[in-house]
All heavy atoms as atom14 arrays in JSON, in Angstrom:
{
  "sequence": "PELAEVPGDALPRVVAKLERAAGEGAAEVSS",
  "atom14_mask": [
    [1, 1, 1, 1, 1, 1, 1, 0, 0, 0, 0, 0, 0, 0],
    [1, 1, 1, 1, 1, 1, 1, 1, 1, 0, 0, 0, 0, 0],
    [1, 1, 1, 1, 1, 1, 1, 1, 0, 0, 0, 0, 0, 0],
    [1, 1, 1, 1, 1, 0, 0, 0, 0, 0, 0, 0, 0, 0],
    [1, 1, 1, 1, 1, 1, 1, 1, 1, 0, 0, 0, 0, 0],
    [1, 1, 1, 1, 1, 1, 1, 0, 0, 0, 0, 0, 0, 0],
    [1, 1, 1, 1, 1, 1, 1, 0, 0, 0, 0, 0, 0, 0],
    [1, 1, 1, 1, 0, 0, 0, 0, 0, 0, 0, 0, 0, 0],
    [1, 1, 1, 1, 1, 1, 1, 1, 0, 0, 0, 0, 0, 0],
    [1, 1, 1, 1, 1, 0, 0, 0, 0, 0, 0, 0, 0, 0],
    [1, 1, 1, 1, 1, 1, 1, 1, 0, 0, 0, 0, 0, 0],
    [1, 1, 1, 1, 1, 1, 1, 0, 0, 0, 0, 0, 0, 0],
    [1, 1, 1, 1, 1, 1, 1, 1, 1, 1, 1, 0, 0, 0],
    [1, 1, 1, 1, 1, 1, 1, 0, 0, 0, 0, 0, 0, 0],
    [1, 1, 1, 1, 1, 1, 1, 0, 0, 0, 0, 0, 0, 0],
    [1, 1, 1, 1, 1, 0, 0, 0, 0, 0, 0, 0, 0, 0],
    [1, 1, 1, 1, 1, 1, 1, 1, 1, 0, 0, 0, 0, 0],
    [1, 1, 1, 1, 1, 1, 1, 1, 0, 0, 0, 0, 0, 0],
    [1, 1, 1, 1, 1, 1, 1, 1, 1, 0, 0, 0, 0, 0],
    [1, 1, 1, 1, 1, 1, 1, 1, 1, 1, 1, 0, 0, 0],
    [1, 1, 1, 1, 1, 0, 0, 0, 0, 0, 0, 0, 0, 0],
    [1, 1, 1, 1, 1, 0, 0, 0, 0, 0, 0, 0, 0, 0],
    [1, 1, 1, 1, 0, 0, 0, 0, 0, 0, 0, 0, 0, 0],
    [1, 1, 1, 1, 1, 1, 1, 1, 1, 0, 0, 0, 0, 0],
    [1, 1, 1, 1, 0, 0, 0, 0, 0, 0, 0, 0, 0, 0],
    [1, 1, 1, 1, 1, 0, 0, 0, 0, 0, 0, 0, 0, 0],
    [1, 1, 1, 1, 1, 0, 0, 0, 0, 0, 0, 0, 0, 0],
    [1, 1, 1, 1, 1, 1, 1, 1, 1, 0, 0, 0, 0, 0],
    [1, 1, 1, 1, 1, 1, 1, 0, 0, 0, 0, 0, 0, 0],
    [1, 1, 1, 1, 1, 1, 0, 0, 0, 0, 0, 0, 0, 0],
    [1, 1, 1, 1, 1, 1, 0, 0, 0, 0, 0, 0, 0, 0]
  ],
  "atom14_positions": [
    [[98.87, 92.0, 69.53], [100.21, 92.15, 68.97], [101.18, 92.86, 69.89], [102.37, 92.57, 69.89], [99.96, 92.95, 67.69], [98.62, 93.58, 67.86], [97.83, 92.64, 68.71], [0.0, 0.0, 0.0], [0.0, 0.0, 0.0], [0.0, 0.0, 0.0], [0.0, 0.0, 0.0], [0.0, 0.0, 0.0], [0.0, 0.0, 0.0], [0.0, 0.0, 0.0]],
    [[100.7, 93.81, 70.7], [101.62, 94.56, 71.54], [102.22, 93.7, 72.66], [103.17, 94.11, 73.32], [100.96, 95.81, 72.15], [99.67, 95.55, 72.88], [98.47, 95.79, 72.01], [98.47, 95.34, 70.86], [97.54, 96.45, 72.49], [0.0, 0.0, 0.0], [0.0, 0.0, 0.0], [0.0, 0.0, 0.0], [0.0, 0.0, 0.0], [0.0, 0.0, 0.0]],
    [[101.64, 92.51, 72.91], [102.19, 91.64, 73.95], [103.05, 90.52, 73.37], [103.59, 89.71, 74.11], [101.06, 91.03, 74.77], [100.24, 92.0, 75.62], [99.18, 91.26, 76.4], [101.12, 92.79, 76.56], [0.0, 0.0, 0.0], [0.0, 0.0, 0.0], [0.0, 0.0, 0.0], [0.0, 0.0, 0.0], [0.0, 0.0, 0.0], [0.0, 0.0, 0.0]],
    [[103.16, 90.5, 72.05], [103.9, 89.4, 71.43], [105.37, 89.41, 71.82], [106.01, 88.35, 71.88], [103.77, 89.5, 69.91], [0.0, 0.0, 0.0], [0.0, 0.0, 0.0], [0.0, 0.0, 0.0], [0.0, 0.0, 0.0], [0.0, 0.0, 0.0], [0.0, 0.0, 0.0], [0.0, 0.0, 0.0], [0.0, 0.0, 0.0], [0.0, 0.0, 0.0]],
    [[105.91, 90.61, 72.1], [107.34, 90.69, 72.41], [107.62, 90.7, 73.91], [108.75, 90.82, 74.33], [107.92, 91.96, 71.78], [107.75, 92.02, 70.26], [108.26, 93.32, 69.68], [108.82, 94.12, 70.45], [108.12, 93.52, 68.47], [0.0, 0.0, 0.0], [0.0, 0.0, 0.0], [0.0, 0.0, 0.0], [0.0, 0.0, 0.0], [0.0, 0.0, 0.0]],
    [[106.57, 90.6, 74.73], [106.77, 90.61, 76.18], [107.32, 89.27, 76.63], [106.71, 88.22, 76.37], [105.45, 90.92, 76.91], [105.66, 90.88, 78.41], [104.93, 92.28, 76.48], [0.0, 0.0, 0.0], [0.0, 0.0, 0.0], [0.0, 0.0, 0.0], [0.0, 0.0, 0.0], [0.0, 0.0, 0.0], [0.0, 0.0, 0.0], [0.0, 0.0, 0.0]],
    [[108.49, 89.26, 77.3], [109.07, 87.99, 77.74], [108.31, 87.4, 78.92], [107.53, 88.08, 79.59], [110.5, 88.38, 78.14], [110.39, 89.81, 78.55], [109.33, 90.42, 77.66], [0.0, 0.0, 0.0], [0.0, 0.0, 0.0], [0.0, 0.0, 0.0], [0.0, 0.0, 0.0], [0.0, 0.0, 0.0], [0.0, 0.0, 0.0], [0.0, 0.0, 0.0]],
    [[108.54, 86.11, 79.17], [107.94, 85.46, 80.33], [106.66, 84.72, 79.98], [106.14, 84.81, 78.88], [0.0, 0.0, 0.0], [0.0, 0.0, 0.0], [0.0, 0.0, 0.0], [0.0, 0.0, 0.0], [0.0, 0.0, 0.0], [0.0, 0.0, 0.0], [0.0, 0.0, 0.0], [0.0, 0.0, 0.0], [0.0, 0.0, 0.0], [0.0, 0.0, 0.0]],
    [[106.17, 83.97, 80.96], [104.98, 83.14, 80.74], [103.9, 83.46, 81.76], [103.15, 82.59, 82.17], [105.36, 81.66, 80.81], [105.96, 81.29, 82.17], [106.31, 82.2, 82.93], [106.07, 80.08, 82.44], [0.0, 0.0, 0.0], [0.0, 0.0, 0.0], [0.0, 0.0, 0.0], [0.0, 0.0, 0.0], [0.0, 0.0, 0.0], [0.0, 0.0, 0.0]],
    [[103.82, 84.73, 82.16], [102.86, 85.12, 83.2], [101.43, 84.83, 82.77], [100.64, 84.25, 83.53], [103.03, 86.6, 83.56], [0.0, 0.0, 0.0], [0.0, 0.0, 0.0], [0.0, 0.0, 0.0], [0.0, 0.0, 0.0], [0.0, 0.0, 0.0], [0.0, 0.0, 0.0], [0.0, 0.0, 0.0], [0.0, 0.0, 0.0], [0.0, 0.0, 0.0]],
    [[101.05, 85.24, 81.54], [99.67, 85.03, 81.1], [99.3, 83.55, 81.01], [98.24, 83.15, 81.52], [99.45, 85.71, 79.75], [99.02, 87.18, 79.8], [98.88, 87.75, 78.41], [97.71, 87.33, 80.54], [0.0, 0.0, 0.0], [0.0, 0.0, 0.0], [0.0, 0.0, 0.0], [0.0, 0.0, 0.0], [0.0, 0.0, 0.0], [0.0, 0.0, 0.0]],
    [[100.13, 82.69, 80.39], [99.78, 81.27, 80.36], [99.63, 80.67, 81.75], [98.76, 79.83, 82.0], [100.93, 80.63, 79.59], [101.47, 81.72, 78.74], [101.31, 82.97, 79.54], [0.0, 0.0, 0.0], [0.0, 0.0, 0.0], [0.0, 0.0, 0.0], [0.0, 0.0, 0.0], [0.0, 0.0, 0.0], [0.0, 0.0, 0.0], [0.0, 0.0, 0.0]],
    [[100.45, 81.12, 82.69], [100.37, 80.58, 84.05], [99.07, 81.03, 84.72], [98.45, 80.26, 85.45], [101.59, 81.02, 84.87], [102.86, 80.26, 84.49], [104.02, 80.51, 85.45], [104.56, 81.85, 85.3], [104.39, 82.83, 86.16], [103.67, 82.63, 87.26], [104.94, 84.01, 85.96], [0.0, 0.0, 0.0], [0.0, 0.0, 0.0], [0.0, 0.0, 0.0]],
    [[98.67, 82.28, 84.49], [97.42, 82.78, 85.06], [96.24, 82.0, 84.48], [95.31, 81.62, 85.2], [97.26, 84.29, 84.8], [95.86, 84.76, 85.18], [98.3, 85.07, 85.6], [0.0, 0.0, 0.0], [0.0, 0.0, 0.0], [0.0, 0.0, 0.0], [0.0, 0.0, 0.0], [0.0, 0.0, 0.0], [0.0, 0.0, 0.0], [0.0, 0.0, 0.0]],
    [[96.25, 81.77, 83.16], [95.18, 81.02, 82.51], [95.09, 79.61, 83.09], [93.99, 79.12, 83.41], [95.4, 80.96, 80.99], [94.42, 79.97, 80.34], [95.22, 82.34, 80.37], [0.0, 0.0, 0.0], [0.0, 0.0, 0.0], [0.0, 0.0, 0.0], [0.0, 0.0, 0.0], [0.0, 0.0, 0.0], [0.0, 0.0, 0.0], [0.0, 0.0, 0.0]],
    [[96.24, 78.95, 83.23], [96.25, 77.59, 83.76], [95.72, 77.55, 85.19], [94.93, 76.67, 85.56], [97.66, 77.02, 83.7], [0.0, 0.0, 0.0], [0.0, 0.0, 0.0], [0.0, 0.0, 0.0], [0.0, 0.0, 0.0], [0.0, 0.0, 0.0], [0.0, 0.0, 0.0], [0.0, 0.0, 0.0], [0.0, 0.0, 0.0], [0.0, 0.0, 0.0]],
    [[96.12, 78.52, 85.99], [95.66, 78.56, 87.39], [94.16, 78.81, 87.46], [93.45, 78.19, 88.26], [96.42, 79.65, 88.15], [96.05, 79.73, 89.63], [96.86, 80.79, 90.36], [98.32, 80.4, 90.49], [99.08, 81.33, 91.35], [0.0, 0.0, 0.0], [0.0, 0.0, 0.0], [0.0, 0.0, 0.0], [0.0, 0.0, 0.0], [0.0, 0.0, 0.0]],
    [[93.66, 79.72, 86.62], [92.24, 80.02, 86.61], [91.43, 78.82, 86.15], [90.36, 78.53, 86.69], [91.96, 81.23, 85.72], [90.52, 81.75, 85.67], [90.02, 82.11, 87.06], [90.43, 82.97, 84.76], [0.0, 0.0, 0.0], [0.0, 0.0, 0.0], [0.0, 0.0, 0.0], [0.0, 0.0, 0.0], [0.0, 0.0, 0.0], [0.0, 0.0, 0.0]],
    [[91.94, 78.08, 85.16], [91.24, 76.88, 84.68], [91.13, 75.84, 85.79], [90.09, 75.2, 85.96], [91.97, 76.31, 83.47], [91.77, 77.09, 82.19], [92.55, 76.51, 81.03], [93.53, 75.79, 81.29], [92.19, 76.78, 79.88], [0.0, 0.0, 0.0], [0.0, 0.0, 0.0], [0.0, 0.0, 0.0], [0.0, 0.0, 0.0], [0.0, 0.0, 0.0]],
    [[92.22, 75.68, 86.55], [92.19, 74.71, 87.66], [91.2, 75.14, 88.73], [90.46, 74.32, 89.28], [93.58, 74.54, 88.26], [94.57, 73.81, 87.36], [95.8, 73.37, 88.15], [96.49, 74.5, 88.75], [97.46, 75.17, 88.15], [97.84, 74.83, 86.92], [98.06, 76.18, 88.74], [0.0, 0.0, 0.0], [0.0, 0.0, 0.0], [0.0, 0.0, 0.0]],
    [[91.19, 76.43, 89.05], [90.32, 76.93, 90.11], [88.85, 76.91, 89.69], [87.97, 76.64, 90.5], [90.73, 78.35, 90.5], [0.0, 0.0, 0.0], [0.0, 0.0, 0.0], [0.0, 0.0, 0.0], [0.0, 0.0, 0.0], [0.0, 0.0, 0.0], [0.0, 0.0, 0.0], [0.0, 0.0, 0.0], [0.0, 0.0, 0.0], [0.0, 0.0, 0.0]],
    [[88.58, 77.19, 88.41], [87.2, 77.29, 87.95], [86.57, 75.94, 87.66], [85.35, 75.82, 87.65], [87.14, 78.17, 86.7], [0.0, 0.0, 0.0], [0.0, 0.0, 0.0], [0.0, 0.0, 0.0], [0.0, 0.0, 0.0], [0.0, 0.0, 0.0], [0.0, 0.0, 0.0], [0.0, 0.0, 0.0], [0.0, 0.0, 0.0], [0.0, 0.0, 0.0]],
    [[87.38, 74.94, 87.4], [86.84, 73.62, 87.12], [86.62, 73.38, 85.64], [86.81, 74.26, 84.8], [0.0, 0.0, 0.0], [0.0, 0.0, 0.0], [0.0, 0.0, 0.0], [0.0, 0.0, 0.0], [0.0, 0.0, 0.0], [0.0, 0.0, 0.0], [0.0, 0.0, 0.0], [0.0, 0.0, 0.0], [0.0, 0.0, 0.0], [0.0, 0.0, 0.0]],
    [[86.19, 72.18, 85.3], [86.06, 71.77, 83.91], [84.98, 72.55, 83.17], [85.09, 72.79, 81.97], [85.76, 70.27, 83.83], [86.89, 69.39, 84.34], [86.55, 67.92, 84.2], [85.45, 67.62, 83.71], [87.38, 67.08, 84.6], [0.0, 0.0, 0.0], [0.0, 0.0, 0.0], [0.0, 0.0, 0.0], [0.0, 0.0, 0.0], [0.0, 0.0, 0.0]],
    [[83.91, 72.94, 83.88], [82.79, 73.62, 83.21], [83.22, 74.9, 82.53], [82.96, 75.11, 81.35], [0.0, 0.0, 0.0], [0.0, 0.0, 0.0], [0.0, 0.0, 0.0], [0.0, 0.0, 0.0], [0.0, 0.0, 0.0], [0.0, 0.0, 0.0], [0.0, 0.0, 0.0], [0.0, 0.0, 0.0], [0.0, 0.0, 0.0], [0.0, 0.0, 0.0]],
    [[83.92, 75.76, 83.28], [84.34, 77.05, 82.7], [85.38, 76.85, 81.61], [85.36, 77.54, 80.59], [84.91, 77.95, 83.81], [0.0, 0.0, 0.0], [0.0, 0.0, 0.0], [0.0, 0.0, 0.0], [0.0, 0.0, 0.0], [0.0, 0.0, 0.0], [0.0, 0.0, 0.0], [0.0, 0.0, 0.0], [0.0, 0.0, 0.0], [0.0, 0.0, 0.0]],
    [[86.31, 75.91, 81.82], [87.34, 75.67, 80.81], [86.72, 75.19, 79.51], [87.13, 75.59, 78.41], [88.35, 74.66, 81.33], [0.0, 0.0, 0.0], [0.0, 0.0, 0.0], [0.0, 0.0, 0.0], [0.0, 0.0, 0.0], [0.0, 0.0, 0.0], [0.0, 0.0, 0.0], [0.0, 0.0, 0.0], [0.0, 0.0, 0.0], [0.0, 0.0, 0.0]],
    [[85.69, 74.33, 79.62], [85.05, 73.8, 78.42], [84.28, 74.88, 77.69], [84.35, 75.0, 76.46], [84.09, 72.67, 78.81], [83.4, 72.03, 77.61], [82.48, 70.88, 78.04], [82.52, 70.5, 79.22], [81.75, 70.39, 77.17], [0.0, 0.0, 0.0], [0.0, 0.0, 0.0], [0.0, 0.0, 0.0], [0.0, 0.0, 0.0], [0.0, 0.0, 0.0]],
    [[83.55, 75.73, 78.43], [82.79, 76.8, 77.81], [83.71, 77.78, 77.11], [83.51, 78.17, 75.95], [81.92, 77.53, 78.85], [81.3, 78.79, 78.24], [80.82, 76.61, 79.36], [0.0, 0.0, 0.0], [0.0, 0.0, 0.0], [0.0, 0.0, 0.0], [0.0, 0.0, 0.0], [0.0, 0.0, 0.0], [0.0, 0.0, 0.0], [0.0, 0.0, 0.0]],
    [[84.77, 78.22, 77.82], [85.66, 79.23, 77.26], [86.44, 78.71, 76.07], [86.77, 79.46, 75.15], [86.62, 79.75, 78.32], [87.47, 78.71, 78.78], [0.0, 0.0, 0.0], [0.0, 0.0, 0.0], [0.0, 0.0, 0.0], [0.0, 0.0, 0.0], [0.0, 0.0, 0.0], [0.0, 0.0, 0.0], [0.0, 0.0, 0.0], [0.0, 0.0, 0.0]],
    [[86.73, 77.42, 76.04], [87.49, 76.86, 74.92], [86.68, 76.82, 73.64], [87.23, 76.68, 72.54], [87.98, 75.45, 75.27], [86.88, 74.57, 75.42], [0.0, 0.0, 0.0], [0.0, 0.0, 0.0], [0.0, 0.0, 0.0], [0.0, 0.0, 0.0], [0.0, 0.0, 0.0], [0.0, 0.0, 0.0], [0.0, 0.0, 0.0], [0.0, 0.0, 0.0]]
  ]
}
């Protein structure tokens, strides 16, 4: 909840970049 008001899309961009770097295996497991 404390991050709900933080502007910007830094976290989604980090998640997307990590998913691309880690490959389908990690993305599937974490999802």
